[in-house]
Protein backbone atom coordinates (compact mmCIF):
# COMPACT_ATOMS: atom_id res chain seq x y z
CA MET A 1 0.05 0.00 0.01
CA LEU A 2 1.46 3.49 -0.98
CA ARG A 3 1.42 6.31 1.49
CA VAL A 4 2.79 9.92 1.55
CA PHE A 5 5.89 10.37 3.41
CA ASP A 6 8.41 13.41 3.80
CA PHE A 7 11.73 12.95 2.78
CA LEU A 8 14.72 15.31 3.72
CA CYS A 9 18.28 15.18 1.86
CA SER A 10 21.43 16.50 2.97
CA ASN A 11 21.00 19.72 0.98
CA ASP A 12 17.66 20.54 3.32
CA HIS A 13 15.19 19.92 0.41
CA LEU A 14 12.04 18.53 1.78
CA SER A 15 9.69 16.72 -0.53
CA GLU A 16 6.90 14.38 -0.41
CA SER A 17 6.57 10.81 -2.05
CA PHE A 18 3.89 8.11 -2.57
CA VAL A 19 6.24 4.97 -1.49
CA ASN A 20 5.60 1.90 0.33
CA SER A 21 5.82 1.81 4.09
CA VAL A 22 9.03 0.07 4.08
CA THR A 23 10.89 2.61 2.10
CA ARG A 24 13.20 4.53 4.12
CA GLU A 25 15.13 6.65 1.48
CA ILE A 26 14.72 7.89 -2.00
CA ASN A 27 16.77 10.18 -4.40
CA CYS A 28 15.93 13.89 -3.98
CA PRO A 29 13.66 15.08 -6.80
CA VAL A 30 15.63 18.53 -6.57
CA CYS A 31 19.38 17.62 -6.31
CA GLY A 32 19.41 13.80 -6.79
CA GLN A 33 21.16 13.18 -3.31
CA THR A 34 19.76 10.48 -1.08
CA ALA A 35 16.88 11.69 0.92
CA LEU A 36 15.81 10.01 4.31
CA ARG A 37 12.27 9.56 5.32
CA GLN A 38 11.16 12.00 8.03
CA ILE A 39 8.58 11.67 10.75
CA GLY A 40 5.98 14.31 9.51
CA THR A 41 3.74 16.34 11.63
CA PRO A 42 0.13 15.64 11.27
CA ARG A 43 -2.11 18.34 9.60
CA VAL A 44 -5.01 18.59 11.73
CA SER A 45 -6.94 21.57 12.49
CA LEU A 46 -9.58 21.49 15.72
CA GLU A 47 -12.35 23.72 16.56
CA GLY A 48 -11.18 26.34 18.91
CA THR A 49 -13.57 26.19 21.77
CA THR A 50 -14.99 22.55 21.80
CA GLY A 51 -11.81 20.86 20.39
CA SER A 52 -13.86 18.91 17.74
CA PHE A 53 -12.96 18.37 14.14
CA PRO A 54 -14.74 21.29 12.21
CA GLY A 55 -16.64 20.16 9.22
CA ALA A 56 -18.65 21.44 6.16
CA ALA A 57 -21.84 20.99 8.04
CA MET A 58 -20.85 23.08 11.01
CA GLN A 59 -19.53 25.80 8.78
CA TRP A 60 -22.75 25.85 6.65
CA GLU A 61 -24.78 26.14 10.20
CA ARG A 62 -22.36 29.01 11.18
CA LYS A 63 -22.99 30.93 7.91
CA HIS A 64 -26.67 30.05 7.80
CA ALA A 65 -26.98 31.59 11.29
CA GLN A 66 -25.09 34.65 10.42
CA LYS A 67 -27.25 35.30 7.33
CA LEU A 68 -30.32 34.72 9.06
CA LYS A 69 -29.27 37.18 12.01
CA ALA A 70 -28.15 39.83 9.29
CA GLU A 71 -31.68 39.34 7.61
CA GLN A 72 -33.58 39.70 10.67
CA LYS A 73 -31.54 42.71 11.69
CA ALA A 74 -32.09 44.18 8.17
CA SER A 75 -35.96 43.68 8.33
CA GLY A 76 -36.18 45.29 11.85
CA LEU A 77 -37.42 42.18 13.41
CA TYR A 78 -34.37 41.59 15.59
């Protein structure tokens, strides 16, 4: 199974590559030097107050509530 891993060469070129999980080194696509697999940081963003994962549904709810509030304010009902 192929996965994405970060690789760093001796010239500090950082690259990502789809490789098997047993692959520990590749040739750097920039300079051709041997690049070693690095432990990459996970790219995760959490919701600030609850700590849950934000999703498209939550974003839609927030925008919908803002739009509804703006419409009520504009019509004088709020």
